[in-house]
Amino acid sequence: DWFTHSITFLLKNTYFQYNNEFYNQKKGTPMGSPISGSLAEITMQTLETTIIKSLKLKPIFYYRYVDDIITCYDKRHIDALINAFGNYCNDIKFTHELENNNTIHFLDMTLIHKNNKIETNWHRKSTWSGRYINFLSYQPHHHKTNTVINLTDKAILLSDKKYWDQNLKLIKHTLHENSYPPTFYNRIIKNRLNYLHNRNDTNNNDNTQKMVPTTNPTNFTACIKLPFSHNTAQFFQKIFKNKQIRLIHTTDNILKGHFFTKLKTYLPNTLRSNLVYKINCRDCPAMYIGETSQYLSRRIYQHNLDITSNIRANKKKDKKV
């Protein structure tokens, strides 16, 4: 049908540029494309539905987050399960990890098989360095506050109570290594623990599970980005908040721009579209400012045609006179 043909057309006409050469992507979906995430999710849903239906022995439980899967299956038939996933499509490759010493990792959690029950603990990958936004860095204050809150949430919400103390000790040590003063992070951790405790009591009373906000929600009608400055941050924050406009601070002076090369091919301004442009007059200080959704080269070409047409029209008038 029309929809299927449209999707096929989009995927078969994917191209990118590198070193001034154009390449066509023959397989897969383009990274960064709005359609890629949806197609990947559809593929995974179709894959898991087909495979699970084909299994004679169903999993005890099966959970998936994007492309990370955890399942409980009879170890006598584990090879059949792995082969079912591996043989589904030659272009989709799976890696797998089996339970080792009664533990297995899934996302940010370690699942511990103990006494026919599953305990959880906060898991840090081997690449975890413990480096976060330094307290002395030139960043908005609420970014540093949220760093403490997010770490506290991971230590508590992803772990059974028996692991809370050791996780909180690790958090405090990590924050100390990132130059956070104890008076700062101890206060935030204490407030967050009280909040989580009160939230847990509320959920136990009404038997509902609610989301955990890290900031105070506000009904914003618009959003604006401004470079961060300690001197003006609170001033602008107050002004925009009164107007129900969300202010997002940006930091332009980052190491990435100084130490890493730009791998993407530079696109000349003449080949850019959806922009505002300025044309200076060669004979006076005047200028023309325009906006176009076309390629800039095409728009300038149209300007030149207009100029040529006007010159011809003026010459005809002069001849008549």
C-alpha atoms as a PDB file:
ATOM      1  CA  ASP A   1       0.000   0.000   0.000  1.00  0.00           C
ATOM      2  CA  TRP A   2       0.933   3.685  -0.040  1.00  0.00           C
ATOM      3  CA  PHE A   3       2.372   3.708   3.487  1.00  0.00           C
ATOM      4  CA  THR A   4       4.604   0.680   2.894  1.00  0.00           C
ATOM      5  CA  HIS A   5       5.867   2.097  -0.408  1.00  0.00           C
ATOM      6  CA  SER A   6       6.647   5.414   1.300  1.00  0.00           C
ATOM      7  CA  ILE A   7       8.680   3.742   4.053  1.00  0.00           C
ATOM      8  CA  THR A   8      10.530   1.622   1.498  1.00  0.00           C
ATOM      9  CA  PHE A   9      11.319   4.694  -0.580  1.00  0.00           C
ATOM     10  CA  LEU A  10      12.709   6.541   2.445  1.00  0.00           C
ATOM     11  CA  LEU A  11      14.939   3.655   3.491  1.00  0.00           C
ATOM     12  CA  LYS A  12      16.259   2.934   0.002  1.00  0.00           C
ATOM     13  CA  ASN A  13      17.165   6.574  -0.614  1.00  0.00           C
ATOM     14  CA  THR A  14      19.229   7.246   2.486  1.00  0.00           C
ATOM     15  CA  TYR A  15      22.533   8.945   1.783  1.00  0.00           C
ATOM     16  CA  PHE A  16      25.284  10.772   3.648  1.00  0.00           C
ATOM     17  CA  GLN A  17      28.342  12.819   2.741  1.00  0.00           C
ATOM     18  CA  TYR A  18      31.946  12.278   3.769  1.00  0.00           C
ATOM     19  CA  ASN A  19      35.043  13.985   2.341  1.00  0.00           C
ATOM     20  CA  ASN A  20      32.862  15.616  -0.321  1.00  0.00           C
ATOM     21  CA  GLU A  21      31.703  12.188  -1.522  1.00  0.00           C
ATOM     22  CA  PHE A  22      28.101  10.972  -1.311  1.00  0.00           C
ATOM     23  CA  TYR A  23      27.304   7.445  -0.124  1.00  0.00           C
ATOM     24  CA  ASN A  24      24.094   5.431  -0.168  1.00  0.00           C
ATOM     25  CA  GLN A  25      23.212   3.362   2.899  1.00  0.00           C
ATOM     26  CA  LYS A  26      22.125  -0.071   1.668  1.00  0.00           C
ATOM     27  CA  LYS A  27      21.108  -1.701   4.958  1.00  0.00           C
ATOM     28  CA  GLY A  28      19.545  -0.550   8.178  1.00  0.00           C
ATOM     29  CA  THR A  29      18.016   2.763   9.149  1.00  0.00           C
ATOM     30  CA  PRO A  30      19.953   6.049   9.249  1.00  0.00           C
ATOM     31  CA  MET A  31      21.246   7.123  12.648  1.00  0.00           C
ATOM     32  CA  GLY A  32      19.497  10.264  13.854  1.00  0.00           C
ATOM     33  CA  SER A  33      16.533   9.927  11.511  1.00  0.00           C
ATOM     34  CA  PRO A  34      13.082  10.480  13.102  1.00  0.00           C
ATOM     35  CA  ILE A  35      11.856   7.232  11.566  1.00  0.00           C
ATOM     36  CA  SER A  36      14.681   5.010  12.836  1.00  0.00           C
ATOM     37  CA  GLY A  37      13.558   4.683  16.461  1.00  0.00           C
ATOM     38  CA  SER A  38       9.985   3.750  15.527  1.00  0.00           C
ATOM     39  CA  LEU A  39      11.086   1.151  12.982  1.00  0.00           C
ATOM     40  CA  ALA A  40      13.567  -0.356  15.442  1.00  0.00           C
ATOM     41  CA  GLU A  41      10.812  -0.685  18.066  1.00  0.00           C
ATOM     42  CA  ILE A  42       8.425  -2.280  15.538  1.00  0.00           C
ATOM     43  CA  THR A  43      11.163  -4.710  14.526  1.00  0.00           C
ATOM     44  CA  MET A  44      11.859  -5.710  18.136  1.00  0.00           C
ATOM     45  CA  GLN A  45       8.160  -6.164  18.913  1.00  0.00           C
ATOM     46  CA  THR A  46       7.681  -8.361  15.844  1.00  0.00           C
ATOM     47  CA  LEU A  47      10.839 -10.316  16.633  1.00  0.00           C
ATOM     48  CA  GLU A  48       9.995 -11.091  20.248  1.00  0.00           C
ATOM     49  CA  THR A  49       6.351 -11.907  19.511  1.00  0.00           C
ATOM     50  CA  THR A  50       7.322 -14.343  16.752  1.00  0.00           C
ATOM     51  CA  ILE A  51      10.072 -16.028  18.756  1.00  0.00           C
ATOM     52  CA  ILE A  52       8.132 -16.419  22.009  1.00  0.00           C
ATOM     53  CA  LYS A  53       5.155 -17.901  20.153  1.00  0.00           C
ATOM     54  CA  SER A  54       7.447 -20.430  18.473  1.00  0.00           C
ATOM     55  CA  LEU A  55       8.950 -21.662  21.755  1.00  0.00           C
ATOM     56  CA  LYS A  56       7.546 -24.871  23.182  1.00  0.00           C
ATOM     57  CA  LEU A  57       8.632 -23.798  26.653  1.00  0.00           C
ATOM     58  CA  LYS A  58       7.627 -20.250  27.569  1.00  0.00           C
ATOM     59  CA  PRO A  59       9.900 -17.953  29.651  1.00  0.00           C
ATOM     60  CA  ILE A  60       9.087 -17.563  33.337  1.00  0.00           C
ATOM     61  CA  PHE A  61       9.421 -13.817  32.794  1.00  0.00           C
ATOM     62  CA  TYR A  62      10.526 -11.629  29.896  1.00  0.00           C
ATOM     63  CA  TYR A  63      11.328  -7.899  30.018  1.00  0.00           C
ATOM     64  CA  ARG A  64      12.802  -5.613  27.386  1.00  0.00           C
ATOM     65  CA  TYR A  65      13.979  -2.004  27.372  1.00  0.00           C
ATOM     66  CA  VAL A  66      14.694  -0.862  23.763  1.00  0.00           C
ATOM     67  CA  ASP A  67      17.138  -3.627  22.753  1.00  0.00           C
ATOM     68  CA  ASP A  68      18.187  -4.860  26.212  1.00  0.00           C
ATOM     69  CA  ILE A  69      16.358  -8.038  27.229  1.00  0.00           C
ATOM     70  CA  ILE A  70      16.276 -10.034  30.449  1.00  0.00           C
ATOM     71  CA  THR A  71      14.443 -13.320  30.764  1.00  0.00           C
ATOM     72  CA  CYS A  72      14.234 -16.364  33.013  1.00  0.00           C
ATOM     73  CA  TYR A  73      14.360 -19.665  31.154  1.00  0.00           C
ATOM     74  CA  ASP A  74      14.961 -23.337  31.873  1.00  0.00           C
ATOM     75  CA  LYS A  75      18.746 -23.775  31.686  1.00  0.00           C
ATOM     76  CA  ARG A  76      18.314 -27.163  29.995  1.00  0.00           C
ATOM     77  CA  HIS A  77      16.800 -25.402  26.963  1.00  0.00           C
ATOM     78  CA  ILE A  78      18.811 -22.175  27.035  1.00  0.00           C
ATOM     79  CA  ASP A  79      20.687 -23.038  23.817  1.00  0.00           C
ATOM     80  CA  ALA A  80      17.408 -23.383  21.936  1.00  0.00           C
ATOM     81  CA  LEU A  81      16.357 -19.930  23.138  1.00  0.00           C
ATOM     82  CA  ILE A  82      19.663 -18.345  22.081  1.00  0.00           C
ATOM     83  CA  ASN A  83      19.477 -20.024  18.667  1.00  0.00           C
ATOM     84  CA  ALA A  84      15.900 -18.824  18.170  1.00  0.00           C
ATOM     85  CA  PHE A  85      16.976 -15.208  18.601  1.00  0.00           C
ATOM     86  CA  GLY A  86      20.200 -15.641  16.627  1.00  0.00           C
ATOM     87  CA  ASN A  87      18.532 -17.305  13.629  1.00  0.00           C
ATOM     88  CA  TYR A  88      15.646 -14.862  13.301  1.00  0.00           C
ATOM     89  CA  CYS A  89      17.508 -12.518  10.944  1.00  0.00           C
ATOM     90  CA  ASN A  90      21.065 -12.678   9.625  1.00  0.00           C
ATOM     91  CA  ASP A  91      21.408  -8.888   9.866  1.00  0.00           C
ATOM     92  CA  ILE A  92      20.460  -8.756  13.569  1.00  0.00           C
ATOM     93  CA  LYS A  93      23.141 -10.010  15.943  1.00  0.00           C
ATOM     94  CA  PHE A  94      22.574 -10.678  19.645  1.00  0.00           C
ATOM     95  CA  THR A  95      25.090 -11.016  22.444  1.00  0.00           C
ATOM     96  CA  HIS A  96      24.070 -12.785  25.623  1.00  0.00           C
ATOM     97  CA  GLU A  97      25.104 -13.064  29.249  1.00  0.00           C
ATOM     98  CA  LEU A  98      24.158 -15.918  31.554  1.00  0.00           C
ATOM     99  CA  GLU A  99      23.624 -15.842  35.300  1.00  0.00           C
ATOM    100  CA  ASN A 100      26.986 -16.124  37.054  1.00  0.00           C
ATOM    101  CA  ASN A 101      27.321 -16.757  40.792  1.00  0.00           C
ATOM    102  CA  ASN A 102      23.581 -16.151  41.139  1.00  0.00           C
ATOM    103  CA  THR A 103      23.883 -12.625  39.701  1.00  0.00           C
ATOM    104  CA  ILE A 104      23.210 -10.971  36.363  1.00  0.00           C
ATOM    105  CA  HIS A 105      23.251  -7.324  35.238  1.00  0.00           C
ATOM    106  CA  PHE A 106      20.392  -5.572  33.471  1.00  0.00           C
ATOM    107  CA  LEU A 107      20.588  -1.864  32.648  1.00  0.00           C
ATOM    108  CA  ASP A 108      21.612  -0.069  35.874  1.00  0.00           C
ATOM    109  CA  MET A 109      20.699  -2.978  38.145  1.00  0.00           C
ATOM    110  CA  THR A 110      22.355  -6.119  39.410  1.00  0.00           C
ATOM    111  CA  LEU A 111      19.824  -8.905  39.964  1.00  0.00           C
ATOM    112  CA  ILE A 112      20.798 -11.358  42.700  1.00  0.00           C
ATOM    113  CA  HIS A 113      19.137 -14.781  42.820  1.00  0.00           C
ATOM    114  CA  LYS A 114      18.859 -15.653  46.505  1.00  0.00           C
ATOM    115  CA  ASN A 115      16.534 -18.058  48.326  1.00  0.00           C
ATOM    116  CA  ASN A 116      14.219 -18.306  45.306  1.00  0.00           C
ATOM    117  CA  LYS A 117      13.835 -14.540  45.340  1.00  0.00           C
ATOM    118  CA  ILE A 118      15.456 -11.752  43.325  1.00  0.00           C
ATOM    119  CA  GLU A 119      17.260  -8.925  45.082  1.00  0.00           C
ATOM    120  CA  THR A 120      18.406  -5.821  43.219  1.00  0.00           C
ATOM    121  CA  ASN A 121      21.334  -3.482  43.651  1.00  0.00           C
ATOM    122  CA  TRP A 122      22.599  -0.436  41.788  1.00  0.00           C
ATOM    123  CA  HIS A 123      25.005  -1.549  39.047  1.00  0.00           C
ATOM    124  CA  ARG A 124      27.902   0.523  37.661  1.00  0.00           C
ATOM    125  CA  LYS A 125      29.478  -0.638  34.422  1.00  0.00           C
ATOM    126  CA  SER A 126      33.196  -1.363  34.206  1.00  0.00           C
ATOM    127  CA  THR A 127      33.613   1.888  32.260  1.00  0.00           C
ATOM    128  CA  TRP A 128      32.092   3.935  35.107  1.00  0.00           C
ATOM    129  CA  SER A 129      34.698   6.490  36.189  1.00  0.00           C
ATOM    130  CA  GLY A 130      32.759   8.298  38.921  1.00  0.00           C
ATOM    131  CA  ARG A 131      33.281  11.605  37.121  1.00  0.00           C
ATOM    132  CA  TYR A 132      30.354  14.017  37.136  1.00  0.00           C
ATOM    133  CA  ILE A 133      29.939  17.774  36.809  1.00  0.00           C
ATOM    134  CA  ASN A 134      32.591  19.259  39.059  1.00  0.00           C
ATOM    135  CA  PHE A 135      31.214  21.519  41.763  1.00  0.00           C
ATOM    136  CA  LEU A 136      33.744  24.216  40.838  1.00  0.00           C
ATOM    137  CA  SER A 137      32.815  24.146  37.149  1.00  0.00           C
ATOM    138  CA  TYR A 138      31.046  27.054  35.508  1.00  0.00           C
ATOM    139  CA  GLN A 139      27.632  25.378  35.366  1.00  0.00           C
ATOM    140  CA  PRO A 140      24.160  26.358  36.608  1.00  0.00           C
ATOM    141  CA  HIS A 141      23.670  25.597  40.291  1.00  0.00           C
ATOM    142  CA  HIS A 142      20.585  23.443  39.703  1.00  0.00           C
ATOM    143  CA  HIS A 143      22.629  21.126  37.455  1.00  0.00           C
ATOM    144  CA  LYS A 144      24.837  20.309  40.444  1.00  0.00           C
ATOM    145  CA  THR A 145      21.816  19.878  42.694  1.00  0.00           C
ATOM    146  CA  ASN A 146      20.245  17.466  40.208  1.00  0.00           C
ATOM    147  CA  THR A 147      23.495  15.489  40.059  1.00  0.00           C
ATOM    148  CA  VAL A 148      23.170  14.720  43.776  1.00  0.00           C
ATOM    149  CA  ILE A 149      19.446  13.960  43.461  1.00  0.00           C
ATOM    150  CA  ASN A 150      19.879  11.607  40.506  1.00  0.00           C
ATOM    151  CA  LEU A 151      22.671   9.666  42.206  1.00  0.00           C
ATOM    152  CA  THR A 152      20.582   9.330  45.365  1.00  0.00           C
ATOM    153  CA  ASP A 153      17.623   8.054  43.359  1.00  0.00           C
ATOM    154  CA  LYS A 154      19.769   5.402  41.689  1.00  0.00           C
ATOM    155  CA  ALA A 155      21.239   4.262  44.989  1.00  0.00           C
ATOM    156  CA  ILE A 156      17.818   3.900  46.629  1.00  0.00           C
ATOM    157  CA  LEU A 157      15.245   3.145  43.944  1.00  0.00           C
ATOM    158  CA  LEU A 158      17.341   0.514  42.161  1.00  0.00           C
ATOM    159  CA  SER A 159      18.415  -1.303  45.323  1.00  0.00           C
ATOM    160  CA  ASP A 160      17.015  -3.368  48.126  1.00  0.00           C
ATOM    161  CA  LYS A 161      17.193  -1.708  51.531  1.00  0.00           C
ATOM    162  CA  LYS A 162      20.154  -3.830  52.687  1.00  0.00           C
ATOM    163  CA  TYR A 163      22.379  -2.121  50.077  1.00  0.00           C
ATOM    164  CA  TRP A 164      21.375   1.469  50.777  1.00  0.00           C
ATOM    165  CA  ASP A 165      24.125   2.300  53.259  1.00  0.00           C
ATOM    166  CA  GLN A 166      26.989   1.101  51.063  1.00  0.00           C
ATOM    167  CA  ASN A 167      25.534   2.881  48.038  1.00  0.00           C
ATOM    168  CA  LEU A 168      25.132   6.160  49.916  1.00  0.00           C
ATOM    169  CA  LYS A 169      28.740   5.915  51.125  1.00  0.00           C
ATOM    170  CA  LEU A 170      29.857   5.452  47.523  1.00  0.00           C
ATOM    171  CA  ILE A 171      27.807   8.460  46.423  1.00  0.00           C
ATOM    172  CA  LYS A 172      29.280  10.713  49.083  1.00  0.00           C
ATOM    173  CA  HIS A 173      32.805   9.586  48.225  1.00  0.00           C
ATOM    174  CA  THR A 174      32.143  10.187  44.515  1.00  0.00           C
ATOM    175  CA  LEU A 175      30.727  13.658  45.138  1.00  0.00           C
ATOM    176  CA  HIS A 176      33.670  14.500  47.387  1.00  0.00           C
ATOM    177  CA  GLU A 177      36.052  13.478  44.579  1.00  0.00           C
ATOM    178  CA  ASN A 178      34.184  15.884  42.309  1.00  0.00           C
ATOM    179  CA  SER A 179      34.772  18.789  44.750  1.00  0.00           C
ATOM    180  CA  TYR A 180      31.254  18.849  46.235  1.00  0.00           C
ATOM    181  CA  PRO A 181      31.326  20.158  49.830  1.00  0.00           C
ATOM    182  CA  PRO A 182      29.784  17.802  52.430  1.00  0.00           C
ATOM    183  CA  THR A 183      27.432  20.510  53.686  1.00  0.00           C
ATOM    184  CA  PHE A 184      25.993  20.762  50.168  1.00  0.00           C
ATOM    185  CA  TYR A 185      25.449  17.101  49.295  1.00  0.00           C
ATOM    186  CA  ASN A 186      24.519  15.932  52.816  1.00  0.00           C
ATOM    187  CA  ARG A 187      21.629  18.399  52.941  1.00  0.00           C
ATOM    188  CA  ILE A 188      20.325  17.401  49.497  1.00  0.00           C
ATOM    189  CA  ILE A 189      20.677  13.669  50.181  1.00  0.00           C
ATOM    190  CA  LYS A 190      18.820  14.031  53.489  1.00  0.00           C
ATOM    191  CA  ASN A 191      15.964  15.964  51.866  1.00  0.00           C
ATOM    192  CA  ARG A 192      15.741  13.471  49.027  1.00  0.00           C
ATOM    193  CA  LEU A 193      15.662  10.489  51.376  1.00  0.00           C
ATOM    194  CA  ASN A 194      12.842  12.126  53.335  1.00  0.00           C
ATOM    195  CA  TYR A 195      10.947  12.754  50.112  1.00  0.00           C
ATOM    196  CA  LEU A 196      11.345   9.155  48.931  1.00  0.00           C
ATOM    197  CA  HIS A 197      10.322   7.838  52.348  1.00  0.00           C
ATOM    198  CA  ASN A 198       7.161   9.973  52.417  1.00  0.00           C
ATOM    199  CA  ARG A 199       6.375   9.024  48.831  1.00  0.00           C
ATOM    200  CA  ASN A 200       6.706   5.342  49.674  1.00  0.00           C
ATOM    201  CA  ASP A 201       4.317   5.717  52.609  1.00  0.00           C
ATOM    202  CA  THR A 202       1.791   7.473  50.361  1.00  0.00           C
ATOM    203  CA  ASN A 203       2.010   4.775  47.703  1.00  0.00           C
ATOM    204  CA  ASN A 204       1.525   2.057  50.303  1.00  0.00           C
ATOM    205  CA  ASN A 205      -1.659   3.755  51.468  1.00  0.00           C
ATOM    206  CA  ASP A 206      -3.309   4.221  48.053  1.00  0.00           C
ATOM    207  CA  ASN A 207      -1.658   1.229  46.295  1.00  0.00           C
ATOM    208  CA  THR A 208      -0.633   3.341  43.304  1.00  0.00           C
ATOM    209  CA  GLN A 209       2.791   3.933  41.836  1.00  0.00           C
ATOM    210  CA  LYS A 210       3.728   7.486  40.944  1.00  0.00           C
ATOM    211  CA  MET A 211       6.592   9.064  39.048  1.00  0.00           C
ATOM    212  CA  VAL A 212       9.399  10.672  41.047  1.00  0.00           C
ATOM    213  CA  PRO A 213      10.032  14.266  39.935  1.00  0.00           C
ATOM    214  CA  THR A 214      13.529  15.693  40.340  1.00  0.00           C
ATOM    215  CA  THR A 215      12.374  19.283  39.852  1.00  0.00           C
ATOM    216  CA  ASN A 216       9.269  21.270  40.683  1.00  0.00           C
ATOM    217  CA  PRO A 217       6.896  20.948  37.693  1.00  0.00           C
ATOM    218  CA  THR A 218       5.622  24.189  36.201  1.00  0.00           C
ATOM    219  CA  ASN A 219       3.191  24.778  33.347  1.00  0.00           C
ATOM    220  CA  PHE A 220       5.483  26.411  30.800  1.00  0.00           C
ATOM    221  CA  THR A 221       4.044  27.848  27.589  1.00  0.00           C
ATOM    222  CA  ALA A 222       7.368  28.315  25.781  1.00  0.00           C
ATOM    223  CA  CYS A 223      11.074  27.575  26.022  1.00  0.00           C
ATOM    224  CA  ILE A 224      14.151  29.730  25.429  1.00  0.00           C
ATOM    225  CA  LYS A 225      17.910  29.051  25.539  1.00  0.00           C
ATOM    226  CA  LEU A 226      20.486  31.558  26.790  1.00  0.00           C
ATOM    227  CA  PRO A 227      24.234  31.288  27.482  1.00  0.00           C
ATOM    228  CA  PHE A 228      24.818  30.699  31.190  1.00  0.00           C
ATOM    229  CA  SER A 229      26.236  33.512  33.318  1.00  0.00           C
ATOM    230  CA  HIS A 230      26.471  33.580  37.115  1.00  0.00           C
ATOM    231  CA  ASN A 231      25.737  37.308  37.106  1.00  0.00           C
ATOM    232  CA  THR A 232      22.471  37.172  35.158  1.00  0.00           C
ATOM    233  CA  ALA A 233      21.130  33.617  35.622  1.00  0.00           C
ATOM    234  CA  GLN A 234      18.778  34.292  38.541  1.00  0.00           C
ATOM    235  CA  PHE A 235      17.656  37.617  37.071  1.00  0.00           C
ATOM    236  CA  PHE A 236      16.501  36.072  33.789  1.00  0.00           C
ATOM    237  CA  GLN A 237      15.166  32.963  35.549  1.00  0.00           C
ATOM    238  CA  LYS A 238      12.781  35.094  37.596  1.00  0.00           C
ATOM    239  CA  ILE A 239      11.633  37.169  34.620  1.00  0.00           C
ATOM    240  CA  PHE A 240      10.890  34.207  32.368  1.00  0.00           C
ATOM    241  CA  LYS A 241       9.269  32.158  35.130  1.00  0.00           C
ATOM    242  CA  ASN A 242       6.731  34.934  35.731  1.00  0.00           C
ATOM    243  CA  LYS A 243       5.895  34.759  32.022  1.00  0.00           C
ATOM    244  CA  GLN A 244       5.631  30.932  32.147  1.00  0.00           C
ATOM    245  CA  ILE A 245       8.659  30.589  29.876  1.00  0.00           C
ATOM    246  CA  ARG A 246      11.176  27.852  30.623  1.00  0.00           C
ATOM    247  CA  LEU A 247      14.780  29.058  30.561  1.00  0.00           C
ATOM    248  CA  ILE A 248      17.482  26.590  29.511  1.00  0.00           C
ATOM    249  CA  HIS A 249      21.092  27.569  30.129  1.00  0.00           C
ATOM    250  CA  THR A 250      23.765  26.577  27.626  1.00  0.00           C
ATOM    251  CA  THR A 251      27.551  26.581  27.943  1.00  0.00           C
ATOM    252  CA  ASP A 252      29.330  27.226  24.652  1.00  0.00           C
ATOM    253  CA  ASN A 253      32.927  27.153  25.880  1.00  0.00           C
ATOM    254  CA  ILE A 254      33.450  23.388  26.102  1.00  0.00           C
ATOM    255  CA  LEU A 255      36.516  21.193  25.590  1.00  0.00           C
ATOM    256  CA  LYS A 256      34.905  19.361  22.685  1.00  0.00           C
ATOM    257  CA  GLY A 257      35.259  22.358  20.410  1.00  0.00           C
ATOM    258  CA  HIS A 258      38.936  22.826  21.273  1.00  0.00           C
ATOM    259  CA  PHE A 259      40.354  19.297  21.260  1.00  0.00           C
ATOM    260  CA  PHE A 260      38.196  17.205  18.937  1.00  0.00           C
ATOM    261  CA  THR A 261      38.184  17.514  15.181  1.00  0.00           C
ATOM    262  CA  LYS A 262      34.967  18.135  13.305  1.00  0.00           C
ATOM    263  CA  LEU A 263      34.316  14.901  11.437  1.00  0.00           C
ATOM    264  CA  LYS A 264      31.146  16.044   9.723  1.00  0.00           C
ATOM    265  CA  THR A 265      31.543  17.469   6.235  1.00  0.00           C
ATOM    266  CA  TYR A 266      31.193  21.246   6.237  1.00  0.00           C
ATOM    267  CA  LEU A 267      28.232  22.379   4.155  1.00  0.00           C
ATOM    268  CA  PRO A 268      28.790  25.717   2.347  1.00  0.00           C
ATOM    269  CA  ASN A 269      26.292  28.457   3.159  1.00  0.00           C
ATOM    270  CA  THR A 270      25.099  28.469  -0.447  1.00  0.00           C
ATOM    271  CA  LEU A 271      23.857  24.874  -0.009  1.00  0.00           C
ATOM    272  CA  ARG A 272      22.015  25.579   3.255  1.00  0.00           C
ATOM    273  CA  SER A 273      18.267  26.162   3.546  1.00  0.00           C
ATOM    274  CA  ASN A 274      15.801  27.520   6.123  1.00  0.00           C
ATOM    275  CA  LEU A 275      17.985  30.460   7.089  1.00  0.00           C
ATOM    276  CA  VAL A 276      18.143  34.239   7.390  1.00  0.00           C
ATOM    277  CA  TYR A 277      20.654  35.953   5.105  1.00  0.00           C
ATOM    278  CA  LYS A 278      22.064  39.442   4.533  1.00  0.00           C
ATOM    279  CA  ILE A 279      23.215  41.082   1.291  1.00  0.00           C
ATOM    280  CA  ASN A 280      25.269  44.271   1.569  1.00  0.00           C
ATOM    281  CA  CYS A 281      25.034  47.010  -1.040  1.00  0.00           C
ATOM    282  CA  ARG A 282      28.294  47.557  -2.931  1.00  0.00           C
ATOM    283  CA  ASP A 283      27.730  51.313  -3.322  1.00  0.00           C
ATOM    284  CA  CYS A 284      26.275  52.381   0.035  1.00  0.00           C
ATOM    285  CA  PRO A 285      25.905  51.213   3.692  1.00  0.00           C
ATOM    286  CA  ALA A 286      22.417  49.815   2.999  1.00  0.00           C
ATOM    287  CA  MET A 287      21.704  46.108   3.283  1.00  0.00           C
ATOM    288  CA  TYR A 288      18.965  43.623   2.462  1.00  0.00           C
ATOM    289  CA  ILE A 289      17.913  40.995   5.017  1.00  0.00           C
ATOM    290  CA  GLY A 290      15.799  38.095   3.855  1.00  0.00           C
ATOM    291  CA  GLU A 291      14.525  34.689   4.930  1.00  0.00           C
ATOM    292  CA  THR A 292      14.285  31.633   2.711  1.00  0.00           C
ATOM    293  CA  SER A 293      13.372  27.963   2.908  1.00  0.00           C
ATOM    294  CA  GLN A 294      15.201  27.289  -0.366  1.00  0.00           C
ATOM    295  CA  TYR A 295      18.888  26.701  -0.885  1.00  0.00           C
ATOM    296  CA  LEU A 296      20.635  30.048  -0.476  1.00  0.00           C
ATOM    297  CA  SER A 297      22.277  29.696  -3.897  1.00  0.00           C
ATOM    298  CA  ARG A 298      18.833  29.313  -5.488  1.00  0.00           C
ATOM    299  CA  ARG A 299      17.482  32.374  -3.665  1.00  0.00           C
ATOM    300  CA  ILE A 300      20.457  34.531  -4.685  1.00  0.00           C
ATOM    301  CA  TYR A 301      19.990  33.348  -8.275  1.00  0.00           C
ATOM    302  CA  GLN A 302      16.386  34.586  -8.106  1.00  0.00           C
ATOM    303  CA  HIS A 303      17.590  37.949  -6.778  1.00  0.00           C
ATOM    304  CA  ASN A 304      19.980  38.233  -9.724  1.00  0.00           C
ATOM    305  CA  LEU A 305      17.122  37.472 -12.128  1.00  0.00           C
ATOM    306  CA  ASP A 306      15.033  40.222 -10.513  1.00  0.00           C
ATOM    307  CA  ILE A 307      17.900  42.693 -10.852  1.00  0.00           C
ATOM    308  CA  THR A 308      18.421  41.743 -14.503  1.00  0.00           C
ATOM    309  CA  SER A 309      14.700  42.091 -15.212  1.00  0.00           C
ATOM    310  CA  ASN A 310      14.587  45.529 -13.570  1.00  0.00           C
ATOM    311  CA  ILE A 311      17.610  46.711 -15.544  1.00  0.00           C
ATOM    312  CA  ARG A 312      16.002  45.600 -18.814  1.00  0.00           C
ATOM    313  CA  ALA A 313      12.705  47.238 -17.883  1.00  0.00           C
ATOM    314  CA  ASN A 314      14.462  50.536 -17.067  1.00  0.00           C
ATOM    315  CA  LYS A 315      16.346  50.446 -20.372  1.00  0.00           C
ATOM    316  CA  LYS A 316      13.063  50.028 -22.260  1.00  0.00           C
ATOM    317  CA  LYS A 317      11.603  53.013 -20.406  1.00  0.00           C
ATOM    318  CA  ASP A 318      14.667  55.105 -21.257  1.00  0.00           C
ATOM    319  CA  LYS A 319      14.332  54.221 -24.949  1.00  0.00           C
ATOM    320  CA  LYS A 320      10.673  55.261 -24.973  1.00  0.00           C
ATOM    321  CA  VAL A 321      11.531  58.565 -23.353  1.00  0.00           C
END
